[in-house]
Amino acid sequence: MASPITISQARENATGVDYLRIAHAGGNVWHPYFHRESWSADDKGFVFHTDGEVWYLDLASREVSPLSQRAGGPIGALHVSRDGHILFFVRGRQVCSMPLTPETGLPGEIEVLHETDPTLAPIEISPNADDSGLAIMVEVRNLFRRVCYLDLARRERRTCFEGHRRLGHLQMNPARQDLIMFADQHDPENFQRMYTVLTSGREHFPFYRQRPGEWVTHECFSRDGNWVTFTVAQPVKGLHAVRSDGSEARQVAAGIYWHACPSADASVIAADLYDGEVRLVQRDTGEFKTVTPRWMPKGKMIPQGPLHAHPCLSRTGRWLLHVDGSGGKGVLRLIDLAKV
């Protein structure tokens, strides 16, 4: 049976940037949300979604493997391990893992790490620095959510925080075993978004205390764990960065920035604007290079759905992966930044 995935070379005429175009014959293509690791070790390949399916692309061979078929059905909440050799994912009420690299026999054997009881639905996961534990966001009877921590050695899950249904954007500091960040947007009067809590359940605090009227969104740790990037969307203030200890908060660049993914040390930030433009922004100077121009009419923004760019830099910083929705259907662009 022919694969529905097509891979071809293309060029962005407006910028002269060459890219690999990854499309699906019958639907959209996108990658895991940019604060979830999608790249395997040494940038050998990455995982991505289509409508109802999950795939792995090996860059050397350009071969595509159907991971959801191997898993026996729909899988979600994808997050590659910190060492890049394991894919963590959710399958129904199960939190599972699968070897991800050719050295371990892709697609490998699936291991069930944890299964919740019928009242709970795991919806997000994030590994700690050495992959010895996972933060898990669970939904309780579709009423409220819990931030939990799963010790993989003991297979013990503990509750770290419990709150409104608007908890989300779960991520662990990539350089620590004990620090969880999440978004809590339950208070429309305050708009405080970012919070942290320890895996012990102690020290639940706001992170980057927002000023009245600010609307912060799309926070993301750098892979070295030293920085958090985010955007301030209301009032329109632009792209920001702050050290993970809360110090040195700064505006990197003004503008209608939407999503932002930092390089390993956050010296470069891949970010998109509401109109579809994708930029590489220097953290310390705000200087940027446009790699994909805007495709929405001036003053318009991309509609909700799978057409958002969600730019993501690879582990080494060589590759930029983002969604292009200019044709009305999501396709992936993979750009070799060594040639830009």
Protein backbone atom coordinates (compact mmCIF):
# COMPACT_ATOMS: atom_id res chain seq x y z
CA MET A 1 0.00 0.00 0.00
CA ALA A 2 1.38 3.42 -0.96
CA SER A 3 2.10 5.78 1.91
CA PRO A 4 -0.24 8.79 2.18
CA ILE A 5 2.78 10.87 3.23
CA THR A 6 4.60 12.75 0.48
CA ILE A 7 8.04 14.34 0.94
CA SER A 8 9.40 16.79 -1.61
CA GLN A 9 11.84 19.65 -1.99
CA ALA A 10 10.45 23.15 -2.42
CA ARG A 11 11.49 26.79 -2.23
CA GLU A 12 9.89 29.81 -0.62
CA ASN A 13 10.10 32.35 -3.42
CA ALA A 14 9.68 35.40 -1.19
CA THR A 15 12.70 34.54 0.96
CA GLY A 16 14.67 32.15 -1.23
CA VAL A 17 14.65 29.55 1.56
CA ASP A 18 14.70 25.89 0.49
CA TYR A 19 12.72 23.41 2.59
CA LEU A 20 11.50 19.85 2.75
CA ARG A 21 7.72 19.72 2.32
CA ILE A 22 5.87 16.98 4.21
CA ALA A 23 2.22 16.54 3.30
CA HIS A 24 -0.62 14.06 3.69
CA ALA A 25 -2.82 13.03 0.79
CA GLY A 26 -6.07 13.40 2.71
CA GLY A 27 -5.54 15.69 5.69
CA ASN A 28 -3.44 18.00 7.79
CA VAL A 29 0.12 17.49 9.01
CA TRP A 30 1.57 19.05 12.14
CA HIS A 31 4.02 18.19 14.90
CA PRO A 32 3.71 17.93 18.70
CA TYR A 33 3.13 21.28 20.38
CA PHE A 34 6.49 23.04 20.49
CA HIS A 35 7.00 22.74 24.27
CA ARG A 36 6.88 18.94 23.84
CA GLU A 37 10.06 17.41 22.41
CA SER A 38 9.48 15.94 18.95
CA TRP A 39 13.12 15.25 17.92
CA SER A 40 15.03 12.01 18.49
CA ALA A 41 18.67 11.89 19.57
CA ASP A 42 21.22 13.78 17.44
CA ASP A 43 18.44 15.16 15.25
CA LYS A 44 18.13 11.84 13.44
CA GLY A 45 14.40 12.23 12.99
CA PHE A 46 11.17 13.51 14.48
CA VAL A 47 7.60 12.48 15.23
CA PHE A 48 4.60 14.21 13.68
CA HIS A 49 0.82 13.93 13.41
CA THR A 50 -1.68 13.68 10.64
CA ASP A 51 -5.42 13.50 11.15
CA GLY A 52 -5.74 10.42 13.37
CA GLU A 53 -2.21 9.07 12.83
CA VAL A 54 1.30 9.48 14.31
CA TRP A 55 4.48 9.01 12.26
CA TYR A 56 8.25 9.05 12.61
CA LEU A 57 10.46 10.47 9.84
CA ASP A 58 14.06 9.25 9.64
CA LEU A 59 16.02 12.12 8.06
CA ALA A 60 18.86 10.02 6.65
CA SER A 61 16.62 7.62 4.72
CA ARG A 62 13.53 9.85 4.50
CA GLU A 63 11.50 6.79 5.44
CA VAL A 64 8.29 7.28 7.37
CA SER A 65 7.14 4.79 10.04
CA PRO A 66 3.47 4.61 11.21
CA LEU A 67 3.77 4.69 15.00
CA SER A 68 0.04 4.65 15.76
CA GLN A 69 -0.35 1.45 13.77
CA ARG A 70 2.36 -0.11 15.89
CA ALA A 71 0.60 1.11 19.03
CA GLY A 72 -2.62 -0.56 17.95
CA GLY A 73 -4.74 2.58 17.75
CA PRO A 74 -4.87 6.31 18.38
CA ILE A 75 -2.10 7.78 20.54
CA GLY A 76 -1.51 11.32 21.76
CA ALA A 77 0.30 13.65 24.18
CA LEU A 78 3.56 12.75 22.43
CA HIS A 79 6.84 13.66 24.11
CA VAL A 80 10.28 12.32 23.20
CA SER A 81 12.50 11.48 26.18
CA ARG A 82 15.27 13.87 27.21
CA ASP A 83 17.91 11.45 25.88
CA GLY A 84 16.06 11.23 22.57
CA HIS A 85 15.71 7.44 22.44
CA ILE A 86 12.17 6.88 23.76
CA LEU A 87 8.76 8.17 22.78
CA PHE A 88 6.37 8.68 25.69
CA PHE A 89 2.68 8.84 24.78
CA VAL A 90 -0.87 8.34 25.99
CA ARG A 91 -3.08 5.52 24.68
CA GLY A 92 -6.53 5.73 26.20
CA ARG A 93 -6.00 5.61 29.98
CA GLN A 94 -2.48 4.24 29.60
CA VAL A 95 0.81 6.13 29.70
CA CYS A 96 3.23 4.21 27.48
CA SER A 97 6.73 4.26 26.00
CA MET A 98 8.21 3.05 22.72
CA PRO A 99 11.86 2.88 21.52
CA LEU A 100 12.31 5.58 18.92
CA THR A 101 15.66 5.16 17.18
CA PRO A 102 16.92 2.61 14.64
CA GLU A 103 19.55 1.46 17.16
CA THR A 104 16.79 0.22 19.44
CA GLY A 105 14.75 -1.37 16.69
CA LEU A 106 12.21 1.16 15.56
CA PRO A 107 9.36 0.96 16.16
CA GLY A 108 10.21 -1.36 19.08
CA GLU A 109 8.15 -2.88 21.84
CA ILE A 110 5.56 -0.81 23.68
CA GLU A 111 5.71 -0.71 27.46
CA VAL A 112 2.74 0.35 29.57
CA LEU A 113 4.17 2.56 32.32
CA HIS A 114 0.95 3.46 34.09
CA GLU A 115 -2.80 3.05 33.76
CA THR A 116 -5.30 5.34 35.45
CA ASP A 117 -8.62 4.26 36.87
CA PRO A 118 -11.78 4.91 34.80
CA THR A 119 -12.46 8.29 36.47
CA LEU A 120 -9.18 9.77 35.18
CA ALA A 121 -8.00 10.62 31.68
CA PRO A 122 -4.30 11.43 31.15
CA ILE A 123 -4.09 14.31 28.64
CA GLU A 124 -0.52 15.66 28.87
CA ILE A 125 2.88 14.26 29.88
CA SER A 126 6.41 15.62 30.27
CA PRO A 127 9.59 13.79 31.39
CA ASN A 128 12.08 15.14 33.90
CA ALA A 129 15.79 15.74 33.22
CA ASP A 130 16.94 12.10 33.33
CA ASP A 131 13.68 10.45 32.19
CA SER A 132 13.23 8.85 35.61
CA GLY A 133 9.80 10.38 36.06
CA LEU A 134 6.91 11.98 34.23
CA ALA A 135 4.67 14.88 35.03
CA ILE A 136 1.14 13.91 34.02
CA MET A 137 -1.92 16.12 33.64
CA VAL A 138 -5.08 14.14 34.30
CA GLU A 139 -8.69 15.15 33.84
CA VAL A 140 -11.11 13.96 36.51
CA ARG A 141 -14.54 13.00 35.16
CA ASN A 142 -14.31 15.97 32.77
CA LEU A 143 -14.80 18.25 35.80
CA PHE A 144 -11.35 19.39 36.93
CA ARG A 145 -7.67 18.56 36.43
CA ARG A 146 -4.71 17.40 38.47
CA VAL A 147 -1.00 17.89 37.99
CA CYS A 148 0.62 14.59 38.98
CA TYR A 149 4.08 13.07 39.06
CA LEU A 150 4.84 9.46 38.15
CA ASP A 151 8.01 7.92 39.59
CA LEU A 152 8.93 5.42 36.88
CA ALA A 153 11.17 3.27 39.09
CA ARG A 154 8.47 2.80 41.73
CA ARG A 155 5.51 3.21 39.35
CA GLU A 156 3.94 5.47 41.93
CA ARG A 157 1.79 8.47 41.01
CA ARG A 158 1.29 11.37 43.38
CA THR A 159 -0.89 14.49 43.07
CA CYS A 160 1.08 17.75 43.08
CA PHE A 161 -1.72 20.24 42.42
CA GLU A 162 -5.45 20.13 41.76
CA GLY A 163 -7.44 22.84 40.04
CA HIS A 164 -9.80 24.09 37.39
CA ARG A 165 -10.37 22.51 33.97
CA ARG A 166 -8.27 25.31 32.46
CA LEU A 167 -5.01 23.81 33.70
CA GLY A 168 -2.71 22.89 30.83
CA HIS A 169 0.56 23.42 28.93
CA LEU A 170 2.36 20.97 31.21
CA GLN A 171 6.17 20.82 31.09
CA MET A 172 9.02 19.86 33.37
CA ASN A 173 12.25 21.83 33.57
CA PRO A 174 14.55 19.84 31.21
CA ALA A 175 17.50 20.25 33.59
CA ARG A 176 15.77 19.25 36.84
CA GLN A 177 14.11 16.17 38.30
CA ASP A 178 11.67 18.03 40.52
CA LEU A 179 10.20 21.16 38.91
CA ILE A 180 6.92 21.23 36.99
CA MET A 181 5.51 24.24 35.12
CA PHE A 182 1.91 24.53 33.99
CA ALA A 183 -0.66 27.09 32.92
CA ASP A 184 -3.62 27.97 35.14
CA GLN A 185 -6.02 30.36 33.40
CA HIS A 186 -9.04 30.06 35.68
CA ASP A 187 -9.06 33.71 36.87
CA PRO A 188 -10.33 36.08 34.14
CA GLU A 189 -9.71 39.12 36.34
CA ASN A 190 -6.05 38.37 37.01
CA PHE A 191 -4.83 36.53 33.91
CA GLN A 192 -1.87 35.07 35.83
CA ARG A 193 -0.90 32.12 33.64
CA MET A 194 2.41 30.50 34.56
CA TYR A 195 2.87 28.51 37.77
CA THR A 196 5.43 26.06 39.07
CA VAL A 197 5.20 23.29 41.65
CA LEU A 198 7.65 20.69 42.93
CA THR A 199 7.05 17.00 42.30
CA SER A 200 6.57 16.69 46.07
CA GLY A 201 3.55 18.98 45.79
CA ARG A 202 5.28 21.74 47.71
CA GLU A 203 6.17 25.30 46.67
CA HIS A 204 3.30 26.06 44.32
CA PHE A 205 4.06 29.59 43.12
CA PRO A 206 3.29 31.95 40.24
CA PHE A 207 6.14 32.26 37.75
CA TYR A 208 6.75 35.67 36.17
CA ARG A 209 4.13 37.62 38.07
CA GLN A 210 2.02 39.41 35.52
CA ARG A 211 1.03 43.04 35.74
CA PRO A 212 -2.64 44.06 35.51
CA GLY A 213 -3.91 43.79 31.96
CA GLU A 214 -1.12 41.54 30.71
CA TRP A 215 -2.04 38.34 28.94
CA VAL A 216 0.92 35.96 28.83
CA THR A 217 0.79 32.84 26.69
CA HIS A 218 2.75 29.98 25.06
CA GLU A 219 5.58 29.63 27.56
CA CYS A 220 8.39 27.17 26.75
CA PHE A 221 11.57 26.04 28.54
CA SER A 222 14.86 26.06 26.68
CA ARG A 223 16.41 22.60 26.54
CA ASP A 224 19.20 23.59 28.96
CA GLY A 225 16.52 24.55 31.47
CA ASN A 226 17.90 28.04 32.00
CA TRP A 227 15.32 30.13 30.14
CA VAL A 228 11.61 30.39 29.53
CA THR A 229 10.30 32.15 26.44
CA PHE A 230 6.73 33.41 26.08
CA THR A 231 4.62 36.03 24.38
CA VAL A 232 2.62 38.89 25.87
CA ALA A 233 -0.43 39.24 23.69
CA GLN A 234 -2.57 41.75 25.57
CA PRO A 235 -1.77 44.56 25.37
CA VAL A 236 0.38 43.69 22.33
CA LYS A 237 3.92 43.71 23.70
CA GLY A 238 5.69 40.94 21.84
CA LEU A 239 8.25 38.24 22.48
CA HIS A 240 9.74 37.84 25.97
CA ALA A 241 12.34 35.75 27.79
CA VAL A 242 13.05 35.22 31.47
CA ARG A 243 15.58 33.07 33.29
CA SER A 244 14.07 29.98 34.88
CA ASP A 245 14.84 31.36 38.35
CA GLY A 246 12.60 34.33 37.52
CA SER A 247 15.39 36.84 36.97
CA GLU A 248 16.36 38.93 33.94
CA ALA A 249 12.86 39.17 32.49
CA ARG A 250 13.09 41.08 29.23
CA GLN A 251 11.22 41.98 26.10
CA VAL A 252 13.10 40.46 23.20
CA ALA A 253 11.13 42.01 20.35
CA ALA A 254 7.92 43.98 19.92
CA GLY A 255 5.16 42.79 17.63
CA ILE A 256 2.21 40.43 17.33
CA TYR A 257 4.20 37.31 18.21
CA TRP A 258 2.15 34.20 18.91
CA HIS A 259 4.21 31.05 19.59
CA ALA A 260 7.89 30.90 20.52
CA CYS A 261 10.34 27.99 20.77
CA PRO A 262 13.87 28.68 22.05
CA SER A 263 17.07 27.00 20.91
CA ALA A 264 18.88 24.81 23.45
CA ASP A 265 20.40 27.84 25.20
CA ALA A 266 17.67 30.29 24.13
CA SER A 267 20.15 32.46 22.23
CA VAL A 268 17.83 32.12 19.22
CA ILE A 269 14.04 31.96 19.35
CA ALA A 270 11.89 30.60 16.54
CA ALA A 271 8.62 32.52 16.59
CA ASP A 272 5.59 33.11 14.42
CA LEU A 273 3.23 36.05 14.10
CA TYR A 274 -0.56 36.10 13.89
CA ASP A 275 -0.38 36.45 10.10
CA GLY A 276 1.77 33.35 9.54
CA GLU A 277 5.24 34.92 9.26
CA VAL A 278 7.97 32.79 10.86
CA ARG A 279 11.08 34.45 12.24
CA LEU A 280 14.38 33.52 13.86
CA VAL A 281 14.94 36.11 16.59
CA GLN A 282 18.19 36.82 18.47
CA ARG A 283 17.40 36.89 22.19
CA ASP A 284 19.97 39.53 23.15
CA THR A 285 19.42 41.98 20.30
CA GLY A 286 15.91 41.37 18.96
CA GLU A 287 17.28 41.18 15.44
CA PHE A 288 15.45 38.66 13.30
CA LYS A 289 15.45 36.87 9.97
CA THR A 290 12.21 35.99 8.22
CA VAL A 291 12.23 32.44 6.86
CA THR A 292 8.55 32.27 5.89
CA PRO A 293 6.55 35.42 4.99
CA ARG A 294 3.05 36.21 6.19
CA TRP A 295 0.29 34.56 4.23
CA MET A 296 -2.83 36.00 5.82
CA PRO A 297 -4.18 39.35 4.55
CA LYS A 298 -2.96 42.37 6.49
CA GLY A 299 -4.83 42.75 9.75
CA LYS A 300 -6.17 39.19 9.70
CA MET A 301 -5.05 36.29 11.87
CA ILE A 302 -4.82 32.56 11.21
CA PRO A 303 -8.05 30.81 12.30
CA GLN A 304 -8.02 28.36 15.17
CA GLY A 305 -7.07 24.84 14.17
CA PRO A 306 -4.18 22.94 12.60
CA LEU A 307 -2.86 25.82 10.45
CA HIS A 308 -0.84 27.55 13.19
CA ALA A 309 2.90 27.57 12.48
CA HIS A 310 4.07 26.39 15.93
CA PRO A 311 7.76 26.72 14.94
CA CYS A 312 10.16 24.31 16.62
CA LEU A 313 13.96 24.23 16.59
CA SER A 314 15.72 20.85 16.65
CA ARG A 315 18.01 19.73 19.47
CA THR A 316 21.20 20.94 17.76
CA GLY A 317 19.53 24.03 16.35
CA ARG A 318 20.27 23.01 12.79
CA TRP A 319 16.67 22.37 11.75
CA LEU A 320 13.52 24.46 11.92
CA LEU A 321 10.20 22.63 11.74
CA HIS A 322 6.93 24.48 11.32
CA VAL A 323 3.45 24.18 9.86
CA ASP A 324 2.54 26.03 6.69
CA GLY A 325 -1.21 26.53 6.29
CA SER A 326 -1.15 28.92 3.35
CA GLY A 327 -2.77 26.34 1.06
CA GLY A 328 -5.72 25.82 3.40
CA LYS A 329 -4.35 22.52 4.69
CA GLY A 330 -1.53 22.02 7.18
CA VAL A 331 1.77 20.81 5.75
CA LEU A 332 5.17 20.68 7.44
CA ARG A 333 8.17 22.67 6.37
CA LEU A 334 11.59 21.41 7.45
CA ILE A 335 14.31 24.01 6.92
CA ASP A 336 18.04 23.34 7.14
CA LEU A 337 19.26 26.48 8.91
CA ALA A 338 22.85 25.74 7.92
CA LYS A 339 21.77 26.78 4.43
CA VAL A 340 19.76 29.86 5.39
